[in-house]
């Protein structure tokens, strides 16, 4: 989708390492305790959002 970078498992792991706000969730993701199917569902929900366009907000 235009305006969003592609989400990948590796990319999300990298983001979580850079932003350690919720340690329990991060550990679950890093140790692959989360099922890949539920991970894919979350990615699909995130991709359905429309990108923010400042020009159209005026």
PDB file of N, CA and C in Angstrom:
ATOM      1  N   UNK A   1       0.844  -1.181   0.000  1.00  0.00           N
ATOM      2  CA  UNK A   1       0.000   0.000   0.000  1.00  0.00           C
ATOM      3  C   UNK A   1       0.891   1.248   0.000  1.00  0.00           C
ATOM      4  N   UNK A   2       0.511   2.221  -0.755  1.00  0.00           N
ATOM      5  CA  UNK A   2       1.297   3.449  -0.862  1.00  0.00           C
ATOM      6  C   UNK A   2       1.310   4.190   0.473  1.00  0.00           C
ATOM      7  N   UNK A   3       2.470   4.695   0.832  1.00  0.00           N
ATOM      8  CA  UNK A   3       2.575   5.499   2.040  1.00  0.00           C
ATOM      9  C   UNK A   3       3.023   4.730   3.268  1.00  0.00           C
ATOM     10  N   UNK A   4       2.955   3.412   3.227  1.00  0.00           N
ATOM     11  CA  UNK A   4       3.375   2.598   4.353  1.00  0.00           C
ATOM     12  C   UNK A   4       4.536   1.700   3.943  1.00  0.00           C
ATOM     13  N   UNK A   5       5.564   1.590   4.776  1.00  0.00           N
ATOM     14  CA  UNK A   5       6.597   0.607   4.472  1.00  0.00           C
ATOM     15  C   UNK A   5       6.048  -0.790   4.721  1.00  0.00           C
ATOM     16  N   UNK A   6       6.564  -1.778   4.009  1.00  0.00           N
ATOM     17  CA  UNK A   6       6.086  -3.145   4.202  1.00  0.00           C
ATOM     18  C   UNK A   6       6.462  -3.635   5.599  1.00  0.00           C
ATOM     19  N   UNK A   7       5.504  -4.209   6.293  1.00  0.00           N
ATOM     20  CA  UNK A   7       5.764  -4.765   7.612  1.00  0.00           C
ATOM     21  C   UNK A   7       6.231  -6.205   7.473  1.00  0.00           C
ATOM     22  N   UNK A   8       7.333  -6.504   8.116  1.00  0.00           N
ATOM     23  CA  UNK A   8       7.838  -7.871   8.132  1.00  0.00           C
ATOM     24  C   UNK A   8       8.125  -8.251   9.573  1.00  0.00           C
ATOM     25  N   UNK A   9       8.224  -9.537   9.819  1.00  0.00           N
ATOM     26  CA  UNK A   9       8.523 -10.027  11.166  1.00  0.00           C
ATOM     27  C   UNK A   9       9.862  -9.462  11.646  1.00  0.00           C
ATOM     28  N   UNK A  10      10.840  -9.472  10.752  1.00  0.00           N
ATOM     29  CA  UNK A  10      12.172  -8.974  11.084  1.00  0.00           C
ATOM     30  C   UNK A  10      12.145  -7.477  11.399  1.00  0.00           C
ATOM     31  N   UNK A  11      11.386  -6.717  10.602  1.00  0.00           N
ATOM     32  CA  UNK A  11      11.274  -5.279  10.826  1.00  0.00           C
ATOM     33  C   UNK A  11      10.616  -4.947  12.145  1.00  0.00           C
ATOM     34  N   UNK A  12       9.597  -5.712  12.498  1.00  0.00           N
ATOM     35  CA  UNK A  12       8.893  -5.486  13.761  1.00  0.00           C
ATOM     36  C   UNK A  12       9.802  -5.823  14.942  1.00  0.00           C
ATOM     37  N   UNK A  13      10.577  -6.895  14.813  1.00  0.00           N
ATOM     38  CA  UNK A  13      11.532  -7.233  15.868  1.00  0.00           C
ATOM     39  C   UNK A  13      12.537  -6.098  16.072  1.00  0.00           C
ATOM     40  N   UNK A  14      12.981  -5.518  14.975  1.00  0.00           N
ATOM     41  CA  UNK A  14      13.944  -4.416  15.043  1.00  0.00           C
ATOM     42  C   UNK A  14      13.326  -3.210  15.751  1.00  0.00           C
ATOM     43  N   UNK A  15      12.076  -2.890  15.420  1.00  0.00           N
ATOM     44  CA  UNK A  15      11.382  -1.768  16.073  1.00  0.00           C
ATOM     45  C   UNK A  15      11.226  -2.002  17.565  1.00  0.00           C
ATOM     46  N   UNK A  16      10.916  -3.232  17.942  1.00  0.00           N
ATOM     47  CA  UNK A  16      10.711  -3.540  19.356  1.00  0.00           C
ATOM     48  C   UNK A  16      12.007  -3.423  20.141  1.00  0.00           C
ATOM     49  N   UNK A  17      13.116  -3.741  19.505  1.00  0.00           N
ATOM     50  CA  UNK A  17      14.401  -3.596  20.198  1.00  0.00           C
ATOM     51  C   UNK A  17      14.737  -2.132  20.402  1.00  0.00           C
ATOM     52  N   UNK A  18      14.329  -1.271  19.469  1.00  0.00           N
ATOM     53  CA  UNK A  18      14.596   0.161  19.564  1.00  0.00           C
ATOM     54  C   UNK A  18      13.632   0.878  20.502  1.00  0.00           C
ATOM     55  N   UNK A  19      12.488   0.267  20.828  1.00  0.00           N
ATOM     56  CA  UNK A  19      11.458   0.919  21.616  1.00  0.00           C
ATOM     57  C   UNK A  19      10.949  -0.024  22.711  1.00  0.00           C
ATOM     58  N   UNK A  20      11.728  -0.218  23.761  1.00  0.00           N
ATOM     59  CA  UNK A  20      11.361  -1.207  24.794  1.00  0.00           C
ATOM     60  C   UNK A  20      10.390  -0.675  25.842  1.00  0.00           C
ATOM     61  N   UNK A  21       9.147  -0.369  25.448  1.00  0.00           N
ATOM     62  CA  UNK A  21       8.178   0.154  26.407  1.00  0.00           C
ATOM     63  C   UNK A  21       7.441  -0.963  27.141  1.00  0.00           C
ATOM     64  N   UNK A  22       7.043  -2.003  26.431  1.00  0.00           N
ATOM     65  CA  UNK A  22       6.294  -3.094  27.050  1.00  0.00           C
ATOM     66  C   UNK A  22       7.151  -4.357  27.009  1.00  0.00           C
ATOM     67  N   UNK A  23       7.944  -4.566  28.050  1.00  0.00           N
ATOM     68  CA  UNK A  23       8.937  -5.638  28.049  1.00  0.00           C
ATOM     69  C   UNK A  23       8.334  -7.035  27.897  1.00  0.00           C
ATOM     70  N   UNK A  24       7.186  -7.297  28.513  1.00  0.00           N
ATOM     71  CA  UNK A  24       6.604  -8.641  28.434  1.00  0.00           C
ATOM     72  C   UNK A  24       6.181  -8.971  27.006  1.00  0.00           C
ATOM     73  N   UNK A  25       5.582  -8.002  26.324  1.00  0.00           N
ATOM     74  CA  UNK A  25       5.180  -8.212  24.933  1.00  0.00           C
ATOM     75  C   UNK A  25       6.400  -8.371  24.041  1.00  0.00           C
ATOM     76  N   UNK A  26       7.421  -7.583  24.293  1.00  0.00           N
ATOM     77  CA  UNK A  26       8.636  -7.661  23.489  1.00  0.00           C
ATOM     78  C   UNK A  26       9.307  -9.022  23.638  1.00  0.00           C
ATOM     79  N   UNK A  27       9.338  -9.527  24.870  1.00  0.00           N
ATOM     80  CA  UNK A  27       9.949 -10.845  25.088  1.00  0.00           C
ATOM     81  C   UNK A  27       9.165 -11.927  24.367  1.00  0.00           C
ATOM     82  N   UNK A  28       7.823 -11.826  24.390  1.00  0.00           N
ATOM     83  CA  UNK A  28       6.987 -12.813  23.707  1.00  0.00           C
ATOM     84  C   UNK A  28       7.263 -12.793  22.207  1.00  0.00           C
ATOM     85  N   UNK A  29       7.438 -11.603  21.649  1.00  0.00           N
ATOM     86  CA  UNK A  29       7.710 -11.481  20.215  1.00  0.00           C
ATOM     87  C   UNK A  29       9.106 -12.006  19.901  1.00  0.00           C
ATOM     88  N   UNK A  30      10.078 -11.641  20.718  1.00  0.00           N
ATOM     89  CA  UNK A  30      11.462 -12.046  20.459  1.00  0.00           C
ATOM     90  C   UNK A  30      11.652 -13.547  20.592  1.00  0.00           C
ATOM     91  N   UNK A  31      10.915 -14.183  21.498  1.00  0.00           N
ATOM     92  CA  UNK A  31      11.067 -15.635  21.681  1.00  0.00           C
ATOM     93  C   UNK A  31      10.090 -16.427  20.819  1.00  0.00           C
ATOM     94  N   UNK A  32       9.372 -15.718  19.924  1.00  0.00           N
ATOM     95  CA  UNK A  32       8.425 -16.340  18.988  1.00  0.00           C
ATOM     96  C   UNK A  32       7.322 -17.133  19.690  1.00  0.00           C
ATOM     97  N   UNK A  33       6.890 -16.651  20.874  1.00  0.00           N
ATOM     98  CA  UNK A  33       5.779 -17.291  21.560  1.00  0.00           C
ATOM     99  C   UNK A  33       4.452 -16.934  20.903  1.00  0.00           C
ATOM    100  N   UNK A  34       4.434 -15.817  20.177  1.00  0.00           N
ATOM    101  CA  UNK A  34       3.223 -15.418  19.466  1.00  0.00           C
ATOM    102  C   UNK A  34       3.142 -16.222  18.183  1.00  0.00           C
ATOM    103  N   UNK A  35       1.959 -16.759  17.910  1.00  0.00           N
ATOM    104  CA  UNK A  35       1.776 -17.541  16.682  1.00  0.00           C
ATOM    105  C   UNK A  35       1.880 -16.629  15.471  1.00  0.00           C
ATOM    106  N   UNK A  36       2.480 -17.122  14.436  1.00  0.00           N
ATOM    107  CA  UNK A  36       2.693 -16.320  13.233  1.00  0.00           C
ATOM    108  C   UNK A  36       1.367 -15.909  12.590  1.00  0.00           C
ATOM    109  N   UNK A  37       0.324 -16.741  12.711  1.00  0.00           N
ATOM    110  CA  UNK A  37      -0.969 -16.397  12.102  1.00  0.00           C
ATOM    111  C   UNK A  37      -1.583 -15.176  12.784  1.00  0.00           C
ATOM    112  N   UNK A  38      -1.509 -15.109  14.109  1.00  0.00           N
ATOM    113  CA  UNK A  38      -2.074 -13.951  14.808  1.00  0.00           C
ATOM    114  C   UNK A  38      -1.252 -12.704  14.506  1.00  0.00           C
ATOM    115  N   UNK A  39       0.034 -12.892  14.292  1.00  0.00           N
ATOM    116  CA  UNK A  39       0.926 -11.794  13.918  1.00  0.00           C
ATOM    117  C   UNK A  39       0.527 -11.251  12.545  1.00  0.00           C
ATOM    118  N   UNK A  40       0.254 -12.162  11.622  1.00  0.00           N
ATOM    119  CA  UNK A  40      -0.155 -11.772  10.269  1.00  0.00           C
ATOM    120  C   UNK A  40      -1.496 -11.042  10.289  1.00  0.00           C
ATOM    121  N   UNK A  41      -2.418 -11.464  11.177  1.00  0.00           N
ATOM    122  CA  UNK A  41      -3.716 -10.796  11.288  1.00  0.00           C
ATOM    123  C   UNK A  41      -3.544  -9.346  11.751  1.00  0.00           C
ATOM    124  N   UNK A  42      -2.639  -9.127  12.710  1.00  0.00           N
ATOM    125  CA  UNK A  42      -2.383  -7.772  13.197  1.00  0.00           C
ATOM    126  C   UNK A  42      -1.785  -6.909  12.090  1.00  0.00           C
ATOM    127  N   UNK A  43      -0.902  -7.493  11.301  1.00  0.00           N
ATOM    128  CA  UNK A  43      -0.295  -6.765  10.184  1.00  0.00           C
ATOM    129  C   UNK A  43      -1.372  -6.391   9.172  1.00  0.00           C
ATOM    130  N   UNK A  44      -2.283  -7.329   8.873  1.00  0.00           N
ATOM    131  CA  UNK A  44      -3.363  -7.043   7.910  1.00  0.00           C
ATOM    132  C   UNK A  44      -4.247  -5.892   8.396  1.00  0.00           C
ATOM    133  N   UNK A  45      -4.560  -5.875   9.691  1.00  0.00           N
ATOM    134  CA  UNK A  45      -5.381  -4.789  10.240  1.00  0.00           C
ATOM    135  C   UNK A  45      -4.661  -3.453  10.119  1.00  0.00           C
ATOM    136  N   UNK A  46      -3.350  -3.455  10.352  1.00  0.00           N
ATOM    137  CA  UNK A  46      -2.566  -2.229  10.257  1.00  0.00           C
ATOM    138  C   UNK A  46      -2.455  -1.724   8.833  1.00  0.00           C
ATOM    139  N   UNK A  47      -2.413  -2.633   7.879  1.00  0.00           N
ATOM    140  CA  UNK A  47      -2.250  -2.255   6.476  1.00  0.00           C
ATOM    141  C   UNK A  47      -3.529  -1.641   5.919  1.00  0.00           C
ATOM    142  N   UNK A  48      -4.678  -1.960   6.499  1.00  0.00           N
ATOM    143  CA  UNK A  48      -5.955  -1.448   5.991  1.00  0.00           C
ATOM    144  C   UNK A  48      -6.159   0.030   6.294  1.00  0.00           C
ATOM    145  N   UNK A  49      -5.383   0.593   7.214  1.00  0.00           N
ATOM    146  CA  UNK A  49      -5.512   2.011   7.531  1.00  0.00           C
ATOM    147  C   UNK A  49      -5.011   2.839   6.357  1.00  0.00           C
ATOM    148  N   UNK A  50      -5.631   4.001   6.161  1.00  0.00           N
ATOM    149  CA  UNK A  50      -5.198   4.891   5.088  1.00  0.00           C
ATOM    150  C   UNK A  50      -4.046   5.758   5.588  1.00  0.00           C
ATOM    151  N   UNK A  51      -3.072   6.028   4.732  1.00  0.00           N
ATOM    152  CA  UNK A  51      -1.954   6.874   5.158  1.00  0.00           C
ATOM    153  C   UNK A  51      -2.401   8.312   5.421  1.00  0.00           C
ATOM    154  N   UNK A  52      -1.750   8.938   6.341  1.00  0.00           N
ATOM    155  CA  UNK A  52      -2.064  10.315   6.721  1.00  0.00           C
ATOM    156  C   UNK A  52      -1.529  11.257   5.652  1.00  0.00           C
ATOM    157  N   UNK A  53      -2.384  12.131   5.162  1.00  0.00           N
ATOM    158  CA  UNK A  53      -1.986  13.087   4.135  1.00  0.00           C
ATOM    159  C   UNK A  53      -2.289  14.495   4.631  1.00  0.00           C
ATOM    160  N   UNK A  54      -1.247  15.267   4.921  1.00  0.00           N
ATOM    161  CA  UNK A  54      -1.420  16.614   5.471  1.00  0.00           C
ATOM    162  C   UNK A  54      -2.136  17.547   4.503  1.00  0.00           C
ATOM    163  N   UNK A  55      -1.920  17.388   3.225  1.00  0.00           N
ATOM    164  CA  UNK A  55      -2.502  18.288   2.230  1.00  0.00           C
ATOM    165  C   UNK A  55      -4.028  18.211   2.207  1.00  0.00           C
ATOM    166  N   UNK A  56      -4.576  17.028   2.418  1.00  0.00           N
ATOM    167  CA  UNK A  56      -6.025  16.848   2.357  1.00  0.00           C
ATOM    168  C   UNK A  56      -6.716  17.252   3.653  1.00  0.00           C
ATOM    169  N   UNK A  57      -5.956  17.465   4.727  1.00  0.00           N
ATOM    170  CA  UNK A  57      -6.543  17.816   6.017  1.00  0.00           C
ATOM    171  C   UNK A  57      -7.068  19.248   6.053  1.00  0.00           C
ATOM    172  N   UNK A  58      -6.575  20.139   5.193  1.00  0.00           N
ATOM    173  CA  UNK A  58      -6.957  21.561   5.237  1.00  0.00           C
ATOM    174  C   UNK A  58      -8.353  21.843   4.805  1.00  0.00           C
TER     175      UNK A  58
END
